[in-house]
C-alpha cells in the first residue's frame, strides 16, 4: 500500500491548461478579461483598484454575480464580497432558504501572500462565465478576495524577498493599523476582523476556506492544508475533514491537476518539541508526558491550536474550515494555479456531498441546543499521529530577483524524497472542564467590554428581568502569570485558581449567557478564566486580576429557571 501511495505521488498527470475565460461560454465579441497577474506574465500582483475593476467587468458579463461591501478597512477602503449563485442570491435569508451549502472563501489576510487573491479572481471568472458555472446550482459561494486591503497597497520589492515571485513585490503581512489579522479572531481589535466576524454571523457559512502562503521548511508539496486544530471543536467535524473530505480533495488535486499536497507542517526535531512542552504559549502546567525519541529525530510538526487563528476559530463556531498554504518557493504562476485547483476541488467535493455537509452541521447544532455539550479543554499539548508517514523532503536553489537584487528561494520540483517520520499533526487536551449550562456576570462597567465582544461574535446575551438566586461556581485567583514580551500589543496573562460552589443572588439586570447555542465552545474559550486565548489573556479584565480576587463571571452547572429578555 505504501509503495502504491508513493507511486501516485510521483505519477504526475499533465497539467490542465485553461484559457483566461475558462471555456467558450463567453461571448466571442467580448475582450478577454485578465487579472493584473496575467497581464504582466505573473511579474506583478493586483492592486486594490485592479481587483475592483476586474469584479466590475465580470459583473457586466454575468447576472450570477452580486457584489456587496461587508465592511471597511482601517484606512477606509470598502471590503468587497462576491456572492455567486444560480439563481442569483443577495441576502443571507435567501441562501438559507435555498437549502444549499454556503461556502465562504477568503484571501489576502496576509497581503504578502497574494496568490489566493489572484486565484479567486480567476476562479470567479470560471464560476460565472466558464466551465465551473454548474456548481452555482449546488452551492452558494461567497468570496472575499482582498481582505487585508490596506496591507495590499503597501507593495514593495523588499517584502518577502525569499518568496519565489512576483518579482515586482507584494504587500505587508499587517493591516493599516499594524495588526496581524490572523491573530485577531478572538479580541477583534481591528475593524477588518469585526467586519469579517459580522459576515460570518450573517451568512453562517457551512465551510470557510482561508488562503495563505507557507514559510520555512523546504518540503516537496505544492500546497499544504489544515483543518481546525483545537480539540474543543466537535470531534465529528474534525473526523469528517480528516477522514473523508481532505483525503478526497488531496487525491483529486494529484490525479486531476498534478499537484502534491499534505497536511500543513514544518520540519522540527524532538528536542524542539521537548522545549515547547514547557513553553508558556502551549502548555501551562508542564505535567504532560514528554515526546519520545532522540533529540535529533526529525519530525513533521503542525502549527498552533489557539482560536486567534482563523481555522481554529471557525471550528469553535461549530463549522467546517480549511486552511490552504501554497508553497512559498513554488513559482508565483504555479502558486496561483495550485490554489485555484485546490479551491476548485473543495467546491466540487462540497457540491457532491452537499446533503451530508448540511445534515452534519444541523445535527451538531441541534445537540448543543438540547444541552448535549462536551467536556472542553483548558490546557493542550501537541501529539503525534498513530503511525509514521512518508513526508516529502524537497530541494531548493537560489535565483536572483532582478527587481530587488535579493535571492529568491526556488523549488526544484522533480527533486523530492519521501522520508518516513512522525507527524505531530494534532493536539490533545491535558486538562479539561465541563461545559456549564450557562455563565452569569454583573452588568456594570467591569464586564461591559466583554459583553460587547461577545455580541460581536454573534453570541446571544440575556438580561435578567428578575433576581436569580442560584448555586454557582466562582473562581478565586491563586496565581497570575504575565508574559515578559508583548504580543500584538498585549501583555498576555494566564491565571491559576480554584472553583468553589457559592450560593448567590444575581440582581435584575445581570447578564446570562447560555451555552445552548452553536457557539458554545467559543463561549467557553472566551469566558473561562484559565483559557489560553480568552478575555483574561487579551487584557479585558486586567484591573481585577490579582491574587485572591474572585473572577467576575460565574458558572451555572445545574438546572435553573431564569426570567430574562434577549438583548438586541
Protein backbone atom coordinates (compact mmCIF):
# COMPACT_ATOMS: atom_id res chain seq x y z
CA UNK A 1 0.00 0.00 0.00
CA UNK A 2 2.82 2.40 0.89
CA UNK A 3 4.55 1.77 -2.45
CA UNK A 4 1.27 2.40 -4.27
CA UNK A 5 0.80 5.72 -2.49
CA UNK A 6 4.35 6.76 -3.25
CA UNK A 7 3.94 5.85 -6.90
CA UNK A 8 0.86 8.07 -7.02
CA UNK A 9 2.85 10.92 -5.51
CA UNK A 10 5.32 10.85 -8.37
CA UNK A 11 2.96 9.96 -11.21
CA UNK A 12 2.09 13.47 -12.25
CA UNK A 13 -0.58 13.71 -14.95
CA UNK A 14 -0.37 16.51 -17.49
CA UNK A 15 -1.38 19.86 -16.02
CA UNK A 16 -4.65 21.27 -17.22
CA UNK A 17 -4.22 24.45 -19.20
CA UNK A 18 -7.08 26.91 -19.25
CA UNK A 19 -7.87 29.96 -21.28
CA UNK A 20 -8.38 33.01 -19.07
CA UNK A 21 -12.15 32.76 -19.57
CA UNK A 22 -12.40 29.08 -18.62
CA UNK A 23 -14.16 27.87 -21.83
CA UNK A 24 -16.12 29.05 -24.84
CA UNK A 25 -19.23 30.09 -22.87
CA UNK A 26 -18.08 33.71 -23.08
CA UNK A 27 -19.40 35.69 -26.00
CA UNK A 28 -16.90 35.85 -28.84
CA UNK A 29 -17.27 39.63 -29.11
CA UNK A 30 -16.14 40.32 -25.56
CA UNK A 31 -12.49 41.09 -24.94
CA UNK A 32 -10.59 38.63 -22.78
CA UNK A 33 -10.82 39.57 -19.11
CA UNK A 34 -7.46 39.17 -17.41
CA UNK A 35 -6.14 39.85 -13.94
CA UNK A 36 -3.12 42.06 -13.40
CA UNK A 37 -1.05 38.95 -12.70
CA UNK A 38 -1.99 37.52 -16.10
CA UNK A 39 -1.47 40.85 -17.88
CA UNK A 40 2.09 41.11 -16.52
CA UNK A 41 3.08 37.47 -17.08
CA UNK A 42 2.83 36.99 -13.30
CA UNK A 43 5.52 39.56 -12.52
CA UNK A 44 3.01 41.70 -10.58
CA UNK A 45 0.06 41.18 -8.28
CA UNK A 46 -3.21 43.10 -8.35
CA UNK A 47 -3.65 46.39 -6.56
CA UNK A 48 -6.97 47.18 -4.88
CA UNK A 49 -8.15 49.15 -7.90
CA UNK A 50 -7.27 46.23 -10.20
CA UNK A 51 -9.37 43.86 -8.09
CA UNK A 52 -12.37 46.17 -8.10
CA UNK A 53 -12.08 46.79 -11.86
CA UNK A 54 -11.91 43.04 -12.55
CA UNK A 55 -15.02 42.41 -10.43
CA UNK A 56 -16.90 45.28 -12.08
CA UNK A 57 -16.12 43.95 -15.55
CA UNK A 58 -17.12 40.42 -14.50
CA UNK A 59 -20.47 41.77 -13.30
CA UNK A 60 -21.12 43.16 -16.77
CA UNK A 61 -20.66 39.69 -18.24
CA UNK A 62 -22.92 37.70 -15.92
CA UNK A 63 -26.03 38.19 -13.79
CA UNK A 64 -24.90 35.40 -11.42
CA UNK A 65 -22.53 37.67 -9.51
CA UNK A 66 -23.62 40.10 -6.82
CA UNK A 67 -21.12 42.47 -5.21
CA UNK A 68 -21.63 43.84 -1.71
CA UNK A 69 -19.38 45.50 0.84
CA UNK A 70 -19.03 43.63 4.13
CA UNK A 71 -17.08 46.36 5.92
CA UNK A 72 -14.27 48.88 5.62
CA UNK A 73 -10.55 48.69 6.23
CA UNK A 74 -8.73 50.76 8.85
CA UNK A 75 -7.89 53.25 6.07
CA UNK A 76 -11.47 53.40 4.78
CA UNK A 77 -11.38 51.04 1.79
CA UNK A 78 -14.54 49.05 1.07
CA UNK A 79 -14.07 45.30 1.62
CA UNK A 80 -15.70 43.52 -1.32
CA UNK A 81 -17.71 40.31 -1.04
CA UNK A 82 -18.69 38.41 -4.16
CA UNK A 83 -21.93 36.39 -3.93
CA UNK A 84 -22.05 33.72 -6.63
CA UNK A 85 -25.21 31.66 -7.14
CA UNK A 86 -27.57 30.38 -9.80
CA UNK A 87 -30.24 31.66 -9.46
CA UNK A 88 -28.74 34.87 -8.05
CA UNK A 89 -28.83 35.45 -4.29
CA UNK A 90 -28.33 38.71 -2.45
CA UNK A 91 -29.34 38.11 1.17
CA UNK A 92 -28.34 35.50 3.80
CA UNK A 93 -32.01 34.51 4.27
CA UNK A 94 -32.22 33.59 0.59
CA UNK A 95 -29.13 31.43 0.98
CA UNK A 96 -30.64 29.57 3.95
CA UNK A 97 -33.92 29.08 2.12
CA UNK A 98 -32.09 27.66 -0.91
CA UNK A 99 -31.12 24.55 1.08
CA UNK A 100 -27.61 24.66 -0.40
CA UNK A 101 -24.29 24.75 1.46
CA UNK A 102 -22.80 28.22 1.85
CA UNK A 103 -19.07 28.16 1.12
CA UNK A 104 -17.01 31.20 2.12
CA UNK A 105 -13.54 31.71 0.63
CA UNK A 106 -11.26 34.46 1.88
CA UNK A 107 -7.90 35.55 0.51
CA UNK A 108 -5.16 38.06 1.24
CA UNK A 109 -5.48 38.14 5.04
CA UNK A 110 -1.68 38.48 4.83
CA UNK A 111 -1.12 40.81 1.89
CA UNK A 112 2.32 39.41 1.15
CA UNK A 113 0.68 36.07 0.39
CA UNK A 114 -1.03 37.12 -2.80
CA UNK A 115 -1.79 34.03 -4.90
CA UNK A 116 -5.14 33.47 -3.15
CA UNK A 117 -6.29 36.90 -4.32
CA UNK A 118 -5.39 36.20 -7.96
CA UNK A 119 -6.68 32.62 -7.84
CA UNK A 120 -10.08 33.75 -6.58
CA UNK A 121 -10.43 36.31 -9.37
CA UNK A 122 -9.63 33.57 -11.89
CA UNK A 123 -11.97 31.09 -10.20
CA UNK A 124 -14.79 33.65 -10.07
CA UNK A 125 -14.40 34.14 -13.80
CA UNK A 126 -14.81 30.40 -14.39
CA UNK A 127 -17.73 30.15 -11.97
CA UNK A 128 -19.89 32.79 -13.63
CA UNK A 129 -18.76 32.61 -17.29
CA UNK A 130 -16.92 29.33 -17.69
CA UNK A 131 -16.64 25.63 -17.02
CA UNK A 132 -17.46 25.76 -13.28
CA UNK A 133 -20.79 27.50 -13.72
CA UNK A 134 -22.84 24.31 -12.94
CA UNK A 135 -21.50 24.44 -9.36
CA UNK A 136 -23.57 27.56 -8.72
CA UNK A 137 -26.75 25.48 -8.87
CA UNK A 138 -25.50 23.31 -5.99
CA UNK A 139 -23.70 25.86 -3.81
CA UNK A 140 -23.89 29.46 -2.63
CA UNK A 141 -20.30 30.74 -2.90
CA UNK A 142 -19.01 33.82 -1.10
CA UNK A 143 -15.57 35.20 -1.95
CA UNK A 144 -13.66 37.96 -0.13
CA UNK A 145 -10.66 38.29 -2.48
CA UNK A 146 -8.78 41.13 -0.77
CA UNK A 147 -9.47 41.04 2.97
CA UNK A 148 -6.31 42.94 4.01
CA UNK A 149 -6.94 45.75 1.54
CA UNK A 150 -4.64 48.27 3.25
CA UNK A 151 -1.68 45.91 3.52
CA UNK A 152 -2.14 45.08 -0.15
CA UNK A 153 -1.46 48.69 -1.17
CA UNK A 154 1.96 48.68 0.51
CA UNK A 155 3.50 46.63 -2.30
CA UNK A 156 7.29 46.69 -2.18
CA UNK A 157 10.05 44.52 -3.64
CA UNK A 158 11.57 44.38 -0.15
CA UNK A 159 8.65 42.33 1.22
CA UNK A 160 9.04 38.52 1.47
CA UNK A 161 12.18 38.61 -0.66
CA UNK A 162 12.87 34.86 -0.28
CA UNK A 163 9.48 34.04 -1.83
CA UNK A 164 9.53 32.91 -5.46
CA UNK A 165 7.78 35.92 -7.01
CA UNK A 166 6.04 38.01 -8.03
CA UNK A 167 9.29 39.82 -8.76
CA UNK A 168 7.73 43.29 -8.58
CA UNK A 169 6.82 42.87 -4.93
CA UNK A 170 3.95 42.15 -2.58
CA UNK A 171 2.15 43.87 0.28
CA UNK A 172 2.58 43.63 4.03
CA UNK A 173 1.54 40.97 6.48
CA UNK A 174 -0.12 43.51 8.80
CA UNK A 175 -3.13 45.72 8.20
CA UNK A 176 -3.09 49.53 8.19
CA UNK A 177 -3.01 49.56 11.99
CA UNK A 178 -0.03 47.21 12.20
CA UNK A 179 -2.11 44.22 13.37
CA UNK A 180 -1.85 40.65 12.11
CA UNK A 181 -5.46 39.91 11.16
CA UNK A 182 -4.86 36.19 11.59
CA UNK A 183 -4.23 36.77 15.31
CA UNK A 184 -7.31 38.93 15.84
CA UNK A 185 -10.22 36.49 15.70
CA UNK A 186 -10.87 36.49 19.45
CA UNK A 187 -10.09 40.03 20.64
CA UNK A 188 -11.47 41.69 17.45
CA UNK A 189 -9.42 44.88 17.74
CA UNK A 190 -9.29 45.65 14.02
CA UNK A 191 -12.24 46.94 12.04
CA UNK A 192 -11.48 44.27 9.44
CA UNK A 193 -11.82 41.41 11.95
CA UNK A 194 -15.05 42.84 13.31
CA UNK A 195 -16.39 43.10 9.77
CA UNK A 196 -15.32 39.56 8.92
CA UNK A 197 -16.91 38.02 12.01
CA UNK A 198 -20.03 40.07 11.28
CA UNK A 199 -20.10 38.48 7.82
CA UNK A 200 -19.86 35.03 9.44
CA UNK A 201 -22.69 35.89 11.82
CA UNK A 202 -24.97 36.99 8.97
CA UNK A 203 -24.20 34.30 6.40
CA UNK A 204 -23.21 31.47 8.79
CA UNK A 205 -21.20 29.57 6.14
CA UNK A 206 -21.08 25.79 6.43
CA UNK A 207 -17.44 25.84 5.29
CA UNK A 208 -14.81 28.59 5.42
CA UNK A 209 -11.64 28.36 3.29
CA UNK A 210 -8.69 30.63 4.19
CA UNK A 211 -5.94 31.09 1.58
CA UNK A 212 -2.29 31.64 2.58
CA UNK A 213 1.33 31.04 1.52
CA UNK A 214 3.75 28.93 3.55
CA UNK A 215 7.06 29.96 5.10
CA UNK A 216 10.00 27.95 6.30
CA UNK A 217 10.74 24.31 5.59
CA UNK A 218 11.91 23.00 2.24
CA UNK A 219 9.34 20.30 1.64
CA UNK A 220 8.14 18.61 -1.54
CA UNK A 221 4.49 19.67 -1.62
CA UNK A 222 2.94 22.26 -3.92
CA UNK A 223 0.37 23.05 -1.25
CA UNK A 224 -0.34 22.09 2.34
CA UNK A 225 -3.59 22.39 4.26
CA UNK A 226 -5.09 22.13 7.73
CA UNK A 227 -8.49 21.57 9.31
CA UNK A 228 -9.30 23.02 12.74
CA UNK A 229 -6.62 22.01 15.27
CA UNK A 230 -8.29 22.83 18.57
CA UNK A 231 -9.78 19.67 20.13
CA UNK A 232 -12.59 21.69 21.73
CA UNK A 233 -14.22 21.68 18.30
CA UNK A 234 -16.71 18.85 17.89
CA UNK A 235 -14.83 15.65 17.11
CA UNK A 236 -17.37 14.85 14.40
CA UNK A 237 -16.28 17.97 12.50
CA UNK A 238 -12.62 17.02 12.86
CA UNK A 239 -13.25 13.42 11.80
CA UNK A 240 -15.32 14.47 8.78
CA UNK A 241 -12.48 16.61 7.47
CA UNK A 242 -9.57 14.31 8.32
CA UNK A 243 -11.21 11.01 7.34
CA UNK A 244 -13.43 11.98 4.41
CA UNK A 245 -13.20 15.47 2.98
CA UNK A 246 -9.48 16.30 2.91
CA UNK A 247 -8.27 12.85 1.73
CA UNK A 248 -10.70 13.02 -1.21
CA UNK A 249 -9.58 16.55 -2.13
CA UNK A 250 -5.92 15.53 -1.80
CA UNK A 251 -6.43 12.66 -4.26
CA UNK A 252 -8.31 14.84 -6.74
CA UNK A 253 -5.64 17.54 -6.60
CA UNK A 254 -2.99 15.00 -7.53
CA UNK A 255 -4.84 12.91 -10.08
CA UNK A 256 -6.69 15.73 -11.88
CA UNK A 257 -4.20 18.57 -11.61
CA UNK A 258 -0.80 17.02 -10.88
CA UNK A 259 -0.20 18.84 -7.61
CA UNK A 260 1.20 17.18 -4.48
CA UNK A 261 -0.36 18.16 -1.15
CA UNK A 262 -0.47 17.13 2.51
CA UNK A 263 -1.36 18.45 5.95
CA UNK A 264 0.41 21.69 6.83
CA UNK A 265 3.63 21.44 8.80
CA UNK A 266 7.30 22.26 9.11
CA UNK A 267 10.29 20.13 9.89
CA UNK A 268 11.32 20.12 13.53
CA UNK A 269 13.18 17.89 15.97
CA UNK A 270 12.05 16.09 19.07
CA UNK A 271 14.45 18.32 21.00
CA UNK A 272 12.45 21.35 19.89
CA UNK A 273 9.18 19.69 20.82
CA UNK A 274 10.52 18.92 24.28
CA UNK A 275 11.19 22.62 24.78
CA UNK A 276 7.70 23.51 23.59
CA UNK A 277 6.04 21.29 26.17
CA UNK A 278 7.19 23.78 28.78
CA UNK A 279 6.52 26.82 26.62
CA UNK A 280 4.04 29.27 28.14
CA UNK A 281 2.15 29.53 24.86
CA UNK A 282 1.35 25.84 24.54
CA UNK A 283 1.47 24.21 27.96
CA UNK A 284 0.92 25.99 31.25
CA UNK A 285 1.15 23.12 33.67
CA UNK A 286 4.16 21.16 32.33
CA UNK A 287 2.59 17.94 33.60
CA UNK A 288 2.24 16.28 30.20
CA UNK A 289 4.48 13.40 29.12
CA UNK A 290 7.49 14.43 27.07
CA UNK A 291 7.50 13.40 23.37
CA UNK A 292 9.58 10.28 22.83
CA UNK A 293 12.67 9.99 20.63
CA UNK A 294 16.24 11.17 20.42
CA UNK A 295 16.99 14.91 20.27
CA UNK A 296 17.95 14.79 16.58
CA UNK A 297 14.96 12.79 15.34
CA UNK A 298 13.28 14.79 12.54
CA UNK A 299 9.51 15.16 12.73
CA UNK A 300 6.76 16.96 10.82
CA UNK A 301 5.01 19.49 13.06
CA UNK A 302 1.81 21.48 12.55
CA UNK A 303 1.40 24.99 13.99
CA UNK A 304 -0.97 26.06 16.80
CA UNK A 305 -4.24 25.09 18.46
CA UNK A 306 -5.41 28.51 19.63
CA UNK A 307 -8.50 30.19 18.14
CA UNK A 308 -6.80 33.50 17.48
CA UNK A 309 -6.02 31.69 14.19
CA UNK A 310 -8.91 31.60 11.73
CA UNK A 311 -9.17 27.86 11.10
CA UNK A 312 -9.33 27.12 14.83
CA UNK A 313 -11.77 29.95 15.45
CA UNK A 314 -14.22 28.69 12.83
CA UNK A 315 -14.03 25.20 14.33
CA UNK A 316 -15.16 26.61 17.68
CA UNK A 317 -18.14 28.16 15.88
CA UNK A 318 -19.20 24.58 15.03
CA UNK A 319 -18.44 24.90 11.34
CA UNK A 320 -16.12 23.25 8.80
CA UNK A 321 -12.91 25.06 7.88
CA UNK A 322 -9.86 24.53 5.69
CA UNK A 323 -6.59 26.45 5.78
CA UNK A 324 -4.66 26.47 2.47
CA UNK A 325 -0.93 27.18 2.29
CA UNK A 326 0.59 27.35 -1.21
CA UNK A 327 4.32 26.58 -1.14
CA UNK A 328 6.26 29.83 -0.93
CA UNK A 329 9.14 28.57 -3.10
CA UNK A 330 6.94 27.38 -5.96
CA UNK A 331 6.91 29.96 -8.75
CA UNK A 332 4.13 32.56 -8.45
CA UNK A 333 2.20 31.39 -11.52
CA UNK A 334 2.01 27.85 -10.18
CA UNK A 335 1.09 29.03 -6.69
CA UNK A 336 -1.90 30.75 -8.24
CA UNK A 337 -2.72 27.60 -10.23
CA UNK A 338 -2.47 25.18 -7.31
CA UNK A 339 -4.55 27.45 -5.08
CA UNK A 340 -7.25 27.76 -7.74
CA UNK A 341 -7.20 23.99 -8.30
CA UNK A 342 -7.40 23.28 -4.57
CA UNK A 343 -10.44 25.52 -4.12
CA UNK A 344 -11.99 24.06 -7.26
CA UNK A 345 -11.78 20.57 -5.76
CA UNK A 346 -13.14 21.81 -2.43
CA UNK A 347 -16.16 23.21 -4.26
CA UNK A 348 -16.65 20.04 -6.29
CA UNK A 349 -16.48 17.90 -3.16
CA UNK A 350 -18.94 20.21 -1.38
CA UNK A 351 -21.29 20.03 -4.36
CA UNK A 352 -21.23 16.22 -4.45
CA UNK A 353 -21.67 15.93 -0.67
CA UNK A 354 -23.98 18.89 -0.07
CA UNK A 355 -26.62 16.93 1.83
CA UNK A 356 -24.10 15.28 4.18
CA UNK A 357 -22.46 18.64 4.96
CA UNK A 358 -25.78 20.30 5.75
CA UNK A 359 -27.04 17.38 7.84
CA UNK A 360 -23.77 17.19 9.81
CA UNK A 361 -23.90 20.88 10.74
CA UNK A 362 -27.60 20.69 11.61
CA UNK A 363 -27.03 17.64 13.82
CA UNK A 364 -24.19 19.28 15.73
CA UNK A 365 -26.19 22.47 16.28
CA UNK A 366 -29.23 20.50 17.43
CA UNK A 367 -27.15 18.63 20.00
CA UNK A 368 -25.92 21.89 21.51
CA UNK A 369 -29.40 23.40 21.53
CA UNK A 370 -30.57 20.39 23.54
CA UNK A 371 -27.76 20.88 26.06
CA UNK A 372 -25.58 18.00 24.87
CA UNK A 373 -22.32 19.86 25.42
CA UNK A 374 -18.95 18.12 25.66
CA UNK A 375 -16.06 18.48 28.05
CA UNK A 376 -13.80 21.35 27.00
CA UNK A 377 -10.01 21.55 27.22
CA UNK A 378 -8.13 24.17 29.24
CA UNK A 379 -4.54 23.05 28.62
CA UNK A 380 -3.28 21.37 25.47
CA UNK A 381 -0.25 19.58 24.06
CA UNK A 382 0.78 18.66 20.56
CA UNK A 383 0.53 14.94 19.79
CA UNK A 384 1.66 12.55 17.04
CA UNK A 385 -0.49 10.55 14.66
CA UNK A 386 -0.61 6.85 15.44
CA UNK A 387 1.70 5.79 12.60
CA UNK A 388 4.68 7.36 10.88
CA UNK A 389 4.03 8.76 7.41
CA UNK A 390 6.23 9.39 4.34
CA UNK A 391 6.83 13.15 4.33
CA UNK A 392 8.23 14.62 1.12
CA UNK A 393 11.55 16.39 1.70
CA UNK A 394 12.31 18.92 -1.01
CA UNK A 395 15.27 20.74 -2.52
CA UNK A 396 15.65 24.38 -3.47
CA UNK A 397 18.04 26.63 -5.33
CA UNK A 398 18.66 30.37 -5.23
CA UNK A 399 17.82 32.73 -8.11
CA UNK A 400 18.42 36.48 -8.07
CA UNK A 401 15.33 38.68 -8.29
CA UNK A 402 16.29 41.34 -10.88
CA UNK A 403 13.98 43.91 -9.28
CA UNK A 404 15.03 43.60 -5.61
CA UNK A 405 18.57 42.33 -6.08
CA UNK A 406 17.83 39.70 -3.42
CA UNK A 407 17.96 35.94 -3.80
CA UNK A 408 14.64 34.15 -4.19
CA UNK A 409 14.31 30.56 -3.00
CA UNK A 410 13.11 28.29 -5.82
CA UNK A 411 11.59 24.82 -5.50
CA UNK A 412 13.27 22.06 -7.51
CA UNK A 413 10.03 20.26 -8.29
CA UNK A 414 11.45 16.97 -9.53
CA UNK A 415 13.80 16.55 -6.55
CA UNK A 416 11.66 15.25 -3.70
CA UNK A 417 12.46 12.43 -1.31
CA UNK A 418 9.82 10.62 0.76
CA UNK A 419 11.11 10.18 4.32
CA UNK A 420 9.25 8.17 6.93
CA UNK A 421 8.77 10.27 10.08
CA UNK A 422 6.40 11.06 12.92
CA UNK A 423 3.69 13.59 12.13
CA UNK A 424 2.87 15.81 15.12
CA UNK A 425 -0.33 16.94 13.47
CA UNK A 426 -2.95 17.07 16.21
CA UNK A 427 -3.49 18.47 19.70
CA UNK A 428 -4.92 16.84 22.79
CA UNK A 429 -6.34 18.36 25.95
CA UNK A 430 -4.22 17.64 29.03
CA UNK A 431 -6.74 19.23 31.40
CA UNK A 432 -10.45 19.67 30.81
CA UNK A 433 -13.56 21.09 32.41
CA UNK A 434 -17.26 20.53 31.95
CA UNK A 435 -19.20 22.90 29.74
CA UNK A 436 -21.58 24.73 32.13
CA UNK A 437 -25.24 25.22 31.37
CA UNK A 438 -24.68 28.98 31.41
CA UNK A 439 -22.44 31.80 32.59
CA UNK A 440 -23.67 34.79 34.56
CA UNK A 441 -21.95 38.11 35.13
CA UNK A 442 -22.69 41.57 36.54
CA UNK A 443 -23.93 44.16 34.06
CA UNK A 444 -21.72 47.06 35.08
CA UNK A 445 -18.58 48.65 33.71
CA UNK A 446 -16.36 45.74 34.77
CA UNK A 447 -17.81 43.38 32.16
CA UNK A 448 -19.07 45.89 29.58
CA UNK A 449 -16.17 45.31 27.18
CA UNK A 450 -16.62 41.55 27.39
CA UNK A 451 -20.34 41.85 26.69
CA UNK A 452 -19.67 43.99 23.62
CA UNK A 453 -17.13 41.48 22.33
CA UNK A 454 -19.47 38.53 22.87
CA UNK A 455 -22.13 40.27 20.84
CA UNK A 456 -19.63 40.90 18.03
CA UNK A 457 -19.06 37.13 17.92
CA UNK A 458 -22.78 36.59 17.48
CA UNK A 459 -23.28 35.17 20.98
CA UNK A 460 -26.81 35.58 22.36
CA UNK A 461 -26.91 37.52 25.65
CA UNK A 462 -29.88 37.78 28.01
CA UNK A 463 -30.65 40.26 30.77
CA UNK A 464 -32.24 39.04 33.99
CA UNK A 465 -35.62 40.68 34.42
CA UNK A 466 -35.93 39.36 37.98
CA UNK A 467 -33.30 38.46 40.61
CA UNK A 468 -31.89 34.93 40.31
CA UNK A 469 -30.78 33.06 43.42
CA UNK A 470 -28.75 30.05 42.45
CA UNK A 471 -25.76 27.97 43.44
CA UNK A 472 -22.95 28.62 41.01
CA UNK A 473 -19.22 28.03 40.68
CA UNK A 474 -16.96 31.00 41.47
CA UNK A 475 -13.26 31.11 40.58
CA UNK A 476 -10.71 32.52 43.05
CA UNK A 477 -7.33 33.51 41.60
CA UNK A 478 -4.29 31.89 43.22
CA UNK A 479 -1.59 32.98 40.73
CA UNK A 480 -1.18 35.46 37.88
CA UNK A 481 1.46 34.92 35.15
CA UNK A 482 2.27 37.75 32.75
CA UNK A 483 4.24 37.34 29.53
CA UNK A 484 7.65 39.02 29.51
CA UNK A 485 7.18 40.33 25.96
CA UNK A 486 4.21 42.00 24.33
CA UNK A 487 2.43 40.15 21.53
CA UNK A 488 0.21 42.08 19.10
CA UNK A 489 0.47 44.98 21.54
CA UNK A 490 -0.72 42.91 24.51
CA UNK A 491 0.90 41.74 27.73
CA UNK A 492 -0.65 38.28 27.74
CA UNK A 493 -1.89 36.83 31.01
CA UNK A 494 -2.64 33.34 32.35
CA UNK A 495 -4.33 32.56 35.64
CA UNK A 496 -4.34 29.72 38.11
CA UNK A 497 -7.05 29.28 40.66
CA UNK A 498 -9.86 27.19 42.11
CA UNK A 499 -13.57 26.91 41.58
CA UNK A 500 -15.86 26.62 44.61
CA UNK A 501 -19.62 26.38 44.88
CA UNK A 502 -21.29 29.56 46.05
CA UNK A 503 -24.95 30.44 46.56
CA UNK A 504 -25.59 33.96 45.36
CA UNK A 505 -28.44 36.20 44.30
CA UNK A 506 -27.81 37.87 40.96
CA UNK A 507 -29.81 41.10 40.70
CA UNK A 508 -32.10 42.02 37.85
CA UNK A 509 -30.04 43.44 35.01
CA UNK A 510 -27.28 40.82 35.34
CA UNK A 511 -26.17 39.15 32.11
CA UNK A 512 -26.88 35.48 31.37
CA UNK A 513 -25.00 33.60 28.62
CA UNK A 514 -26.49 30.20 27.89
CA UNK A 515 -24.31 27.55 26.25
CA UNK A 516 -27.27 26.01 24.42
CA UNK A 517 -26.19 27.76 21.21
CA UNK A 518 -23.95 26.77 18.31
CA UNK A 519 -21.05 28.88 19.58
CA UNK A 520 -20.88 27.04 22.94
CA UNK A 521 -17.20 26.08 22.57
CA UNK A 522 -16.34 29.66 21.61
CA UNK A 523 -18.23 30.98 24.66
CA UNK A 524 -16.26 28.61 26.90
CA UNK A 525 -12.94 29.67 25.37
CA UNK A 526 -13.68 33.37 25.77
CA UNK A 527 -15.10 33.33 29.30
CA UNK A 528 -13.14 30.68 31.19
CA UNK A 529 -10.56 32.38 33.46
CA UNK A 530 -7.87 29.77 32.71
CA UNK A 531 -8.34 29.90 28.93
CA UNK A 532 -5.20 30.39 26.84
CA UNK A 533 -6.95 32.69 24.32
CA UNK A 534 -9.86 34.35 26.10
CA UNK A 535 -10.67 37.61 27.81
CA UNK A 536 -8.09 37.12 30.55
CA UNK A 537 -5.28 36.59 28.09
CA UNK A 538 -6.19 39.63 25.98
CA UNK A 539 -6.31 42.08 28.92
CA UNK A 540 -10.06 42.67 29.10
CA UNK A 541 -10.01 42.38 32.92
CA UNK A 542 -6.52 43.48 33.97
CA UNK A 543 -7.71 45.72 36.81
CA UNK A 544 -9.29 42.70 38.56
CA UNK A 545 -6.57 40.10 38.07
CA UNK A 546 -4.74 39.93 41.37
CA UNK A 547 -4.10 37.02 43.70
CA UNK A 548 -7.09 36.36 45.96
CA UNK A 549 -9.60 38.15 43.72
CA UNK A 550 -12.80 36.44 42.58
CA UNK A 551 -13.32 36.26 38.82
CA UNK A 552 -16.49 38.24 37.95
CA UNK A 553 -18.08 35.57 35.75
CA UNK A 554 -19.74 32.57 37.44
CA UNK A 555 -20.61 29.15 36.03
CA UNK A 556 -24.10 27.66 36.36
CA UNK A 557 -23.78 23.89 36.16
CA UNK A 558 -27.18 22.66 37.35
CA UNK A 559 -30.77 23.19 36.29
CA UNK A 560 -32.15 26.68 36.67
CA UNK A 561 -35.10 28.84 35.72
CA UNK A 562 -34.49 32.47 34.88
CA UNK A 563 -36.81 35.26 33.77
CA UNK A 564 -34.89 37.12 31.05
CA UNK A 565 -35.11 39.24 27.95
CA UNK A 566 -32.91 38.73 24.93
CA UNK A 567 -30.60 41.67 24.29
CA UNK A 568 -30.73 43.08 20.76
